[in-house]
């Protein structure tokens, strides 16, 4: 089991998950083709993916390339596709400082 997030910039998001939250990068990959098109409905999708490990969980981060993205408006908490992830930290101030950097 894992949690997946579609992101705009895999590079930037990995800085958050690995450097900011202290996770580790397990692997990266590129995907495209019919399997992905059938699974997502996107025409000719290409994706870059990364798996970050944090607190015993695997977080899949997916960056679509060559697919028209929805505007810059963020999802509202009640929109289909909205997600949240809660983490327990021992020192909130230290965690927030790592994230700020």
PDB file of N, CA and C in Angstrom:
ATOM      1  N   UNK A   1       0.844  -1.180   0.000  1.00  0.00           N
ATOM      2  CA  UNK A   1       0.000   0.000   0.000  1.00  0.00           C
ATOM      3  C   UNK A   1       0.888   1.241   0.000  1.00  0.00           C
ATOM      4  N   UNK A   2       0.446   2.255  -0.706  1.00  0.00           N
ATOM      5  CA  UNK A   2       1.175   3.517  -0.734  1.00  0.00           C
ATOM      6  C   UNK A   2       0.202   4.652  -0.984  1.00  0.00           C
ATOM      7  N   UNK A   3       0.696   5.853  -0.821  1.00  0.00           N
ATOM      8  CA  UNK A   3      -0.061   7.065  -1.120  1.00  0.00           C
ATOM      9  C   UNK A   3       0.608   7.718  -2.319  1.00  0.00           C
ATOM     10  N   UNK A   4      -0.167   8.239  -3.244  1.00  0.00           N
ATOM     11  CA  UNK A   4       0.399   8.885  -4.426  1.00  0.00           C
ATOM     12  C   UNK A   4      -0.127  10.315  -4.543  1.00  0.00           C
ATOM     13  N   UNK A   5       0.751  11.187  -4.990  1.00  0.00           N
ATOM     14  CA  UNK A   5       0.408  12.583  -5.232  1.00  0.00           C
ATOM     15  C   UNK A   5       0.873  12.960  -6.631  1.00  0.00           C
ATOM     16  N   UNK A   6       0.010  13.571  -7.427  1.00  0.00           N
ATOM     17  CA  UNK A   6       0.412  14.148  -8.704  1.00  0.00           C
ATOM     18  C   UNK A   6       0.962  15.531  -8.399  1.00  0.00           C
ATOM     19  N   UNK A   7       2.162  15.816  -8.903  1.00  0.00           N
ATOM     20  CA  UNK A   7       2.846  17.069  -8.574  1.00  0.00           C
ATOM     21  C   UNK A   7       3.243  17.810  -9.848  1.00  0.00           C
ATOM     22  N   UNK A   8       3.462  19.098  -9.718  1.00  0.00           N
ATOM     23  CA  UNK A   8       3.908  19.898 -10.869  1.00  0.00           C
ATOM     24  C   UNK A   8       5.401  19.744 -11.128  1.00  0.00           C
ATOM     25  N   UNK A   9       6.201  19.652 -10.071  1.00  0.00           N
ATOM     26  CA  UNK A   9       7.654  19.562 -10.219  1.00  0.00           C
ATOM     27  C   UNK A   9       8.199  18.483  -9.281  1.00  0.00           C
ATOM     28  N   UNK A  10       8.588  17.368  -9.855  1.00  0.00           N
ATOM     29  CA  UNK A  10       9.136  16.278  -9.053  1.00  0.00           C
ATOM     30  C   UNK A  10      10.379  16.740  -8.297  1.00  0.00           C
ATOM     31  N   UNK A  11      11.212  17.508  -8.953  1.00  0.00           N
ATOM     32  CA  UNK A  11      12.441  18.004  -8.322  1.00  0.00           C
ATOM     33  C   UNK A  11      12.131  18.811  -7.055  1.00  0.00           C
ATOM     34  N   UNK A  12      11.219  19.758  -7.159  1.00  0.00           N
ATOM     35  CA  UNK A  12      10.880  20.604  -6.010  1.00  0.00           C
ATOM     36  C   UNK A  12      10.204  19.807  -4.904  1.00  0.00           C
ATOM     37  N   UNK A  13       9.311  18.911  -5.257  1.00  0.00           N
ATOM     38  CA  UNK A  13       8.584  18.145  -4.250  1.00  0.00           C
ATOM     39  C   UNK A  13       9.513  17.168  -3.534  1.00  0.00           C
ATOM     40  N   UNK A  14      10.479  16.616  -4.239  1.00  0.00           N
ATOM     41  CA  UNK A  14      11.440  15.725  -3.575  1.00  0.00           C
ATOM     42  C   UNK A  14      12.261  16.473  -2.534  1.00  0.00           C
ATOM     43  N   UNK A  15      12.569  17.733  -2.796  1.00  0.00           N
ATOM     44  CA  UNK A  15      13.275  18.521  -1.775  1.00  0.00           C
ATOM     45  C   UNK A  15      12.447  18.586  -0.500  1.00  0.00           C
ATOM     46  N   UNK A  16      11.124  18.754  -0.634  1.00  0.00           N
ATOM     47  CA  UNK A  16      10.241  18.807   0.528  1.00  0.00           C
ATOM     48  C   UNK A  16      10.227  17.467   1.264  1.00  0.00           C
ATOM     49  N   UNK A  17       9.970  16.369   0.542  1.00  0.00           N
ATOM     50  CA  UNK A  17       9.820  15.063   1.189  1.00  0.00           C
ATOM     51  C   UNK A  17      11.128  14.526   1.752  1.00  0.00           C
ATOM     52  N   UNK A  18      12.225  14.747   1.058  1.00  0.00           N
ATOM     53  CA  UNK A  18      13.512  14.182   1.491  1.00  0.00           C
ATOM     54  C   UNK A  18      14.268  15.145   2.405  1.00  0.00           C
ATOM     55  N   UNK A  19      14.536  16.348   1.922  1.00  0.00           N
ATOM     56  CA  UNK A  19      15.308  17.289   2.735  1.00  0.00           C
ATOM     57  C   UNK A  19      14.465  17.893   3.853  1.00  0.00           C
ATOM     58  N   UNK A  20      13.242  18.293   3.540  1.00  0.00           N
ATOM     59  CA  UNK A  20      12.391  18.952   4.523  1.00  0.00           C
ATOM     60  C   UNK A  20      11.856  18.018   5.585  1.00  0.00           C
ATOM     61  N   UNK A  21      11.292  16.885   5.159  1.00  0.00           N
ATOM     62  CA  UNK A  21      10.672  15.967   6.113  1.00  0.00           C
ATOM     63  C   UNK A  21      11.592  14.839   6.565  1.00  0.00           C
ATOM     64  N   UNK A  22      12.760  14.711   5.926  1.00  0.00           N
ATOM     65  CA  UNK A  22      13.723  13.693   6.356  1.00  0.00           C
ATOM     66  C   UNK A  22      13.460  12.306   5.806  1.00  0.00           C
ATOM     67  N   UNK A  23      12.685  12.196   4.736  1.00  0.00           N
ATOM     68  CA  UNK A  23      12.459  10.895   4.104  1.00  0.00           C
ATOM     69  C   UNK A  23      13.665  10.482   3.277  1.00  0.00           C
ATOM     70  N   UNK A  24      13.545   9.353   2.599  1.00  0.00           N
ATOM     71  CA  UNK A  24      14.616   8.898   1.716  1.00  0.00           C
ATOM     72  C   UNK A  24      14.040   8.602   0.345  1.00  0.00           C
ATOM     73  N   UNK A  25      14.855   8.786  -0.673  1.00  0.00           N
ATOM     74  CA  UNK A  25      14.450   8.498  -2.037  1.00  0.00           C
ATOM     75  C   UNK A  25      14.719   7.024  -2.306  1.00  0.00           C
ATOM     76  N   UNK A  26      13.669   6.250  -2.556  1.00  0.00           N
ATOM     77  CA  UNK A  26      13.816   4.818  -2.802  1.00  0.00           C
ATOM     78  C   UNK A  26      14.154   4.541  -4.262  1.00  0.00           C
ATOM     79  N   UNK A  27      13.452   5.219  -5.189  1.00  0.00           N
ATOM     80  CA  UNK A  27      13.727   4.992  -6.607  1.00  0.00           C
ATOM     81  C   UNK A  27      12.987   6.024  -7.458  1.00  0.00           C
ATOM     82  N   UNK A  28      13.413   6.125  -8.708  1.00  0.00           N
ATOM     83  CA  UNK A  28      12.743   6.971  -9.688  1.00  0.00           C
ATOM     84  C   UNK A  28      12.505   6.139 -10.941  1.00  0.00           C
ATOM     85  N   UNK A  29      11.563   6.577 -11.759  1.00  0.00           N
ATOM     86  CA  UNK A  29      11.316   5.886 -13.023  1.00  0.00           C
ATOM     87  C   UNK A  29      10.591   6.816 -13.983  1.00  0.00           C
ATOM     88  N   UNK A  30      10.546   6.403 -15.241  1.00  0.00           N
ATOM     89  CA  UNK A  30       9.782   7.092 -16.277  1.00  0.00           C
ATOM     90  C   UNK A  30       8.797   6.086 -16.848  1.00  0.00           C
ATOM     91  N   UNK A  31       7.590   6.555 -17.153  1.00  0.00           N
ATOM     92  CA  UNK A  31       6.579   5.672 -17.730  1.00  0.00           C
ATOM     93  C   UNK A  31       5.853   6.398 -18.848  1.00  0.00           C
ATOM     94  N   UNK A  32       5.375   5.623 -19.817  1.00  0.00           N
ATOM     95  CA  UNK A  32       4.546   6.162 -20.896  1.00  0.00           C
ATOM     96  C   UNK A  32       3.856   4.986 -21.567  1.00  0.00           C
ATOM     97  N   UNK A  33       3.042   5.293 -22.549  1.00  0.00           N
ATOM     98  CA  UNK A  33       2.455   4.238 -23.362  1.00  0.00           C
ATOM     99  C   UNK A  33       1.028   3.880 -23.036  1.00  0.00           C
ATOM    100  N   UNK A  34       0.590   2.780 -23.666  1.00  0.00           N
ATOM    101  CA  UNK A  34      -0.801   2.367 -23.614  1.00  0.00           C
ATOM    102  C   UNK A  34      -1.277   2.034 -22.206  1.00  0.00           C
ATOM    103  N   UNK A  35      -0.444   1.352 -21.420  1.00  0.00           N
ATOM    104  CA  UNK A  35      -0.836   0.994 -20.058  1.00  0.00           C
ATOM    105  C   UNK A  35      -1.203   2.254 -19.268  1.00  0.00           C
ATOM    106  N   UNK A  36      -0.375   3.258 -19.356  1.00  0.00           N
ATOM    107  CA  UNK A  36      -0.623   4.505 -18.637  1.00  0.00           C
ATOM    108  C   UNK A  36      -1.840   5.235 -19.210  1.00  0.00           C
ATOM    109  N   UNK A  37      -1.977   5.247 -20.519  1.00  0.00           N
ATOM    110  CA  UNK A  37      -3.127   5.896 -21.155  1.00  0.00           C
ATOM    111  C   UNK A  37      -4.423   5.205 -20.719  1.00  0.00           C
ATOM    112  N   UNK A  38      -4.434   3.880 -20.692  1.00  0.00           N
ATOM    113  CA  UNK A  38      -5.631   3.146 -20.270  1.00  0.00           C
ATOM    114  C   UNK A  38      -5.949   3.394 -18.800  1.00  0.00           C
ATOM    115  N   UNK A  39      -4.939   3.542 -17.974  1.00  0.00           N
ATOM    116  CA  UNK A  39      -5.155   3.740 -16.545  1.00  0.00           C
ATOM    117  C   UNK A  39      -5.562   5.143 -16.156  1.00  0.00           C
ATOM    118  N   UNK A  40      -5.169   6.135 -16.983  1.00  0.00           N
ATOM    119  CA  UNK A  40      -5.426   7.529 -16.612  1.00  0.00           C
ATOM    120  C   UNK A  40      -6.410   8.237 -17.528  1.00  0.00           C
ATOM    121  N   UNK A  41      -6.539   7.774 -18.751  1.00  0.00           N
ATOM    122  CA  UNK A  41      -7.385   8.449 -19.720  1.00  0.00           C
ATOM    123  C   UNK A  41      -6.704   9.627 -20.388  1.00  0.00           C
ATOM    124  N   UNK A  42      -5.458   9.906 -20.012  1.00  0.00           N
ATOM    125  CA  UNK A  42      -4.709  11.008 -20.624  1.00  0.00           C
ATOM    126  C   UNK A  42      -4.168  10.548 -21.971  1.00  0.00           C
ATOM    127  N   UNK A  43      -4.225  11.413 -22.960  1.00  0.00           N
ATOM    128  CA  UNK A  43      -3.716  11.078 -24.286  1.00  0.00           C
ATOM    129  C   UNK A  43      -2.198  11.234 -24.308  1.00  0.00           C
ATOM    130  N   UNK A  44      -1.508  10.194 -24.708  1.00  0.00           N
ATOM    131  CA  UNK A  44      -0.046  10.178 -24.821  1.00  0.00           C
ATOM    132  C   UNK A  44       0.660  10.694 -23.573  1.00  0.00           C
ATOM    133  N   UNK A  45       0.309  10.178 -22.414  1.00  0.00           N
ATOM    134  CA  UNK A  45       0.953  10.664 -21.190  1.00  0.00           C
ATOM    135  C   UNK A  45       2.376  10.138 -21.049  1.00  0.00           C
ATOM    136  N   UNK A  46       3.195  10.957 -20.491  1.00  0.00           N
ATOM    137  CA  UNK A  46       4.533  10.552 -20.052  1.00  0.00           C
ATOM    138  C   UNK A  46       4.663  11.037 -18.620  1.00  0.00           C
ATOM    139  N   UNK A  47       5.160  10.190 -17.741  1.00  0.00           N
ATOM    140  CA  UNK A  47       5.308  10.587 -16.351  1.00  0.00           C
ATOM    141  C   UNK A  47       6.695  10.240 -15.841  1.00  0.00           C
ATOM    142  N   UNK A  48       7.133  11.077 -14.939  1.00  0.00           N
ATOM    143  CA  UNK A  48       8.320  10.795 -14.128  1.00  0.00           C
ATOM    144  C   UNK A  48       7.790  10.486 -12.746  1.00  0.00           C
ATOM    145  N   UNK A  49       8.299   9.432 -12.129  1.00  0.00           N
ATOM    146  CA  UNK A  49       7.834   9.078 -10.796  1.00  0.00           C
ATOM    147  C   UNK A  49       9.008   8.931  -9.848  1.00  0.00           C
ATOM    148  N   UNK A  50       8.710   9.099  -8.586  1.00  0.00           N
ATOM    149  CA  UNK A  50       9.702   8.857  -7.529  1.00  0.00           C
ATOM    150  C   UNK A  50       8.962   8.252  -6.351  1.00  0.00           C
ATOM    151  N   UNK A  51       9.639   7.373  -5.651  1.00  0.00           N
ATOM    152  CA  UNK A  51       9.104   6.804  -4.421  1.00  0.00           C
ATOM    153  C   UNK A  51       9.949   7.342  -3.274  1.00  0.00           C
ATOM    154  N   UNK A  52       9.288   8.047  -2.363  1.00  0.00           N
ATOM    155  CA  UNK A  52       9.954   8.538  -1.151  1.00  0.00           C
ATOM    156  C   UNK A  52       9.469   7.679   0.014  1.00  0.00           C
ATOM    157  N   UNK A  53      10.383   7.324   0.891  1.00  0.00           N
ATOM    158  CA  UNK A  53      10.006   6.562   2.084  1.00  0.00           C
ATOM    159  C   UNK A  53      10.081   7.480   3.288  1.00  0.00           C
ATOM    160  N   UNK A  54       9.026   7.406   4.104  1.00  0.00           N
ATOM    161  CA  UNK A  54       8.945   8.255   5.285  1.00  0.00           C
ATOM    162  C   UNK A  54       8.051   7.572   6.306  1.00  0.00           C
ATOM    163  N   UNK A  55       8.539   7.454   7.503  1.00  0.00           N
ATOM    164  CA  UNK A  55       7.756   6.898   8.621  1.00  0.00           C
ATOM    165  C   UNK A  55       7.158   5.541   8.285  1.00  0.00           C
ATOM    166  N   UNK A  56       7.948   4.703   7.618  1.00  0.00           N
ATOM    167  CA  UNK A  56       7.494   3.361   7.286  1.00  0.00           C
ATOM    168  C   UNK A  56       6.508   3.294   6.130  1.00  0.00           C
ATOM    169  N   UNK A  57       6.290   4.410   5.447  1.00  0.00           N
ATOM    170  CA  UNK A  57       5.349   4.468   4.333  1.00  0.00           C
ATOM    171  C   UNK A  57       6.078   4.797   3.035  1.00  0.00           C
ATOM    172  N   UNK A  58       5.497   4.366   1.925  1.00  0.00           N
ATOM    173  CA  UNK A  58       6.001   4.761   0.618  1.00  0.00           C
ATOM    174  C   UNK A  58       5.063   5.803   0.030  1.00  0.00           C
ATOM    175  N   UNK A  59       5.640   6.924  -0.378  1.00  0.00           N
ATOM    176  CA  UNK A  59       4.893   8.018  -0.981  1.00  0.00           C
ATOM    177  C   UNK A  59       5.300   8.074  -2.448  1.00  0.00           C
ATOM    178  N   UNK A  60       4.337   7.845  -3.350  1.00  0.00           N
ATOM    179  CA  UNK A  60       4.629   7.914  -4.778  1.00  0.00           C
ATOM    180  C   UNK A  60       4.339   9.327  -5.260  1.00  0.00           C
ATOM    181  N   UNK A  61       5.307   9.923  -5.926  1.00  0.00           N
ATOM    182  CA  UNK A  61       5.186  11.279  -6.467  1.00  0.00           C
ATOM    183  C   UNK A  61       5.215  11.160  -7.985  1.00  0.00           C
ATOM    184  N   UNK A  62       4.231  11.743  -8.654  1.00  0.00           N
ATOM    185  CA  UNK A  62       4.061  11.557 -10.092  1.00  0.00           C
ATOM    186  C   UNK A  62       3.993  12.916 -10.774  1.00  0.00           C
ATOM    187  N   UNK A  63       4.878  13.136 -11.743  1.00  0.00           N
ATOM    188  CA  UNK A  63       4.871  14.368 -12.543  1.00  0.00           C
ATOM    189  C   UNK A  63       4.506  14.017 -13.978  1.00  0.00           C
ATOM    190  N   UNK A  64       3.340  14.475 -14.429  1.00  0.00           N
ATOM    191  CA  UNK A  64       2.920  14.266 -15.810  1.00  0.00           C
ATOM    192  C   UNK A  64       3.625  15.271 -16.702  1.00  0.00           C
ATOM    193  N   UNK A  65       4.035  14.809 -17.883  1.00  0.00           N
ATOM    194  CA  UNK A  65       4.658  15.691 -18.868  1.00  0.00           C
ATOM    195  C   UNK A  65       3.877  15.572 -20.170  1.00  0.00           C
ATOM    196  N   UNK A  66       3.699  16.686 -20.862  1.00  0.00           N
ATOM    197  CA  UNK A  66       2.998  16.672 -22.133  1.00  0.00           C
ATOM    198  C   UNK A  66       1.494  16.515 -21.994  1.00  0.00           C
ATOM    199  N   UNK A  67       0.950  16.753 -20.812  1.00  0.00           N
ATOM    200  CA  UNK A  67      -0.482  16.659 -20.578  1.00  0.00           C
ATOM    201  C   UNK A  67      -0.952  18.025 -20.097  1.00  0.00           C
ATOM    202  N   UNK A  68      -2.041  18.514 -20.664  1.00  0.00           N
ATOM    203  CA  UNK A  68      -2.572  19.810 -20.247  1.00  0.00           C
ATOM    204  C   UNK A  68      -3.008  19.723 -18.790  1.00  0.00           C
ATOM    205  N   UNK A  69      -2.456  20.589 -17.970  1.00  0.00           N
ATOM    206  CA  UNK A  69      -2.798  20.617 -16.556  1.00  0.00           C
ATOM    207  C   UNK A  69      -3.953  21.567 -16.311  1.00  0.00           C
ATOM    208  N   UNK A  70      -4.709  21.297 -15.274  1.00  0.00           N
ATOM    209  CA  UNK A  70      -5.771  22.189 -14.830  1.00  0.00           C
ATOM    210  C   UNK A  70      -5.118  23.503 -14.395  1.00  0.00           C
ATOM    211  N   UNK A  71      -5.838  24.569 -14.313  1.00  0.00           N
ATOM    212  CA  UNK A  71      -5.276  25.865 -13.933  1.00  0.00           C
ATOM    213  C   UNK A  71      -4.538  25.843 -12.602  1.00  0.00           C
ATOM    214  N   UNK A  72      -4.132  26.988 -12.160  1.00  0.00           N
ATOM    215  CA  UNK A  72      -3.364  27.112 -10.923  1.00  0.00           C
ATOM    216  C   UNK A  72      -4.222  27.065  -9.669  1.00  0.00           C
ATOM    217  N   UNK A  73      -5.535  26.985  -9.825  1.00  0.00           N
ATOM    218  CA  UNK A  73      -6.381  26.985  -8.634  1.00  0.00           C
ATOM    219  C   UNK A  73      -6.177  25.687  -7.850  1.00  0.00           C
ATOM    220  N   UNK A  74      -5.970  25.790  -6.560  1.00  0.00           N
ATOM    221  CA  UNK A  74      -5.757  24.582  -5.761  1.00  0.00           C
ATOM    222  C   UNK A  74      -7.071  23.835  -5.530  1.00  0.00           C
ATOM    223  N   UNK A  75      -6.941  22.550  -5.259  1.00  0.00           N
ATOM    224  CA  UNK A  75      -8.116  21.776  -4.887  1.00  0.00           C
ATOM    225  C   UNK A  75      -8.617  22.250  -3.532  1.00  0.00           C
ATOM    226  N   UNK A  76      -9.910  22.265  -3.392  1.00  0.00           N
ATOM    227  CA  UNK A  76     -10.485  22.543  -2.087  1.00  0.00           C
ATOM    228  C   UNK A  76     -10.504  21.233  -1.298  1.00  0.00           C
ATOM    229  N   UNK A  77     -10.519  21.274   0.019  1.00  0.00           N
ATOM    230  CA  UNK A  77     -10.467  20.042   0.805  1.00  0.00           C
ATOM    231  C   UNK A  77     -11.557  19.036   0.474  1.00  0.00           C
ATOM    232  N   UNK A  78     -12.675  19.499  -0.088  1.00  0.00           N
ATOM    233  CA  UNK A  78     -13.777  18.593  -0.384  1.00  0.00           C
ATOM    234  C   UNK A  78     -13.863  18.217  -1.856  1.00  0.00           C
ATOM    235  N   UNK A  79     -12.925  18.700  -2.709  1.00  0.00           N
ATOM    236  CA  UNK A  79     -12.922  18.333  -4.122  1.00  0.00           C
ATOM    237  C   UNK A  79     -12.431  16.910  -4.304  1.00  0.00           C
ATOM    238  N   UNK A  80     -13.004  16.206  -5.281  1.00  0.00           N
ATOM    239  CA  UNK A  80     -12.520  14.873  -5.612  1.00  0.00           C
ATOM    240  C   UNK A  80     -11.049  14.981  -5.995  1.00  0.00           C
ATOM    241  N   UNK A  81     -10.227  14.149  -5.419  1.00  0.00           N
ATOM    242  CA  UNK A  81      -8.795  14.171  -5.687  1.00  0.00           C
ATOM    243  C   UNK A  81      -7.989  14.876  -4.611  1.00  0.00           C
ATOM    244  N   UNK A  82      -8.658  15.646  -3.767  1.00  0.00           N
ATOM    245  CA  UNK A  82      -7.947  16.313  -2.680  1.00  0.00           C
ATOM    246  C   UNK A  82      -7.471  15.255  -1.688  1.00  0.00           C
ATOM    247  N   UNK A  83      -6.328  15.476  -1.087  1.00  0.00           N
ATOM    248  CA  UNK A  83      -5.774  14.514  -0.137  1.00  0.00           C
ATOM    249  C   UNK A  83      -5.129  15.258   1.014  1.00  0.00           C
ATOM    250  N   UNK A  84      -4.934  14.564   2.091  1.00  0.00           N
ATOM    251  CA  UNK A  84      -4.052  15.065   3.138  1.00  0.00           C
ATOM    252  C   UNK A  84      -3.363  13.880   3.774  1.00  0.00           C
ATOM    253  N   UNK A  85      -2.239  14.152   4.355  1.00  0.00           N
ATOM    254  CA  UNK A  85      -1.431  13.134   5.008  1.00  0.00           C
ATOM    255  C   UNK A  85      -1.017  13.698   6.352  1.00  0.00           C
ATOM    256  N   UNK A  86      -1.273  12.990   7.410  1.00  0.00           N
ATOM    257  CA  UNK A  86      -0.901  13.448   8.754  1.00  0.00           C
ATOM    258  C   UNK A  86       0.308  12.655   9.228  1.00  0.00           C
ATOM    259  N   UNK A  87       1.288  13.357   9.769  1.00  0.00           N
ATOM    260  CA  UNK A  87       2.501  12.731  10.274  1.00  0.00           C
ATOM    261  C   UNK A  87       2.713  13.115  11.725  1.00  0.00           C
ATOM    262  N   UNK A  88       3.243  12.206  12.500  1.00  0.00           N
ATOM    263  CA  UNK A  88       3.606  12.499  13.882  1.00  0.00           C
ATOM    264  C   UNK A  88       5.084  12.863  13.897  1.00  0.00           C
ATOM    265  N   UNK A  89       5.421  13.983  14.513  1.00  0.00           N
ATOM    266  CA  UNK A  89       6.816  14.392  14.655  1.00  0.00           C
ATOM    267  C   UNK A  89       7.112  14.627  16.128  1.00  0.00           C
ATOM    268  N   UNK A  90       8.360  14.370  16.520  1.00  0.00           N
ATOM    269  CA  UNK A  90       8.747  14.564  17.918  1.00  0.00           C
ATOM    270  C   UNK A  90       8.966  16.029  18.254  1.00  0.00           C
ATOM    271  N   UNK A  91       9.424  16.816  17.266  1.00  0.00           N
ATOM    272  CA  UNK A  91       9.741  18.210  17.515  1.00  0.00           C
ATOM    273  C   UNK A  91       9.196  19.041  16.347  1.00  0.00           C
ATOM    274  N   UNK A  92       8.045  19.644  16.527  1.00  0.00           N
ATOM    275  CA  UNK A  92       7.386  20.387  15.459  1.00  0.00           C
ATOM    276  C   UNK A  92       8.231  21.565  14.985  1.00  0.00           C
ATOM    277  N   UNK A  93       8.842  22.300  15.899  1.00  0.00           N
ATOM    278  CA  UNK A  93       9.646  23.458  15.501  1.00  0.00           C
ATOM    279  C   UNK A  93      10.820  23.035  14.619  1.00  0.00           C
ATOM    280  N   UNK A  94      11.495  21.954  14.964  1.00  0.00           N
ATOM    281  CA  UNK A  94      12.623  21.463  14.166  1.00  0.00           C
ATOM    282  C   UNK A  94      12.140  20.993  12.793  1.00  0.00           C
ATOM    283  N   UNK A  95      10.999  20.319  12.747  1.00  0.00           N
ATOM    284  CA  UNK A  95      10.455  19.861  11.461  1.00  0.00           C
ATOM    285  C   UNK A  95      10.090  21.049  10.586  1.00  0.00           C
ATOM    286  N   UNK A  96       9.463  22.061  11.140  1.00  0.00           N
ATOM    287  CA  UNK A  96       9.097  23.244  10.357  1.00  0.00           C
ATOM    288  C   UNK A  96      10.328  23.990   9.869  1.00  0.00           C
ATOM    289  N   UNK A  97      11.371  24.039  10.666  1.00  0.00           N
ATOM    290  CA  UNK A  97      12.609  24.692  10.238  1.00  0.00           C
ATOM    291  C   UNK A  97      13.244  23.952   9.064  1.00  0.00           C
ATOM    292  N   UNK A  98      13.263  22.622   9.100  1.00  0.00           N
ATOM    293  CA  UNK A  98      13.794  21.841   7.957  1.00  0.00           C
ATOM    294  C   UNK A  98      12.979  22.112   6.720  1.00  0.00           C
ATOM    295  N   UNK A  99      11.663  22.188   6.849  1.00  0.00           N
ATOM    296  CA  UNK A  99      10.795  22.430   5.704  1.00  0.00           C
ATOM    297  C   UNK A  99      11.038  23.830   5.149  1.00  0.00           C
ATOM    298  N   UNK A 100      11.201  24.828   6.034  1.00  0.00           N
ATOM    299  CA  UNK A 100      11.464  26.207   5.577  1.00  0.00           C
ATOM    300  C   UNK A 100      12.733  26.294   4.751  1.00  0.00           C
ATOM    301  N   UNK A 101      13.766  25.545   5.133  1.00  0.00           N
ATOM    302  CA  UNK A 101      15.023  25.581   4.375  1.00  0.00           C
ATOM    303  C   UNK A 101      14.826  24.991   3.021  1.00  0.00           C
TER     304      UNK A 101
END
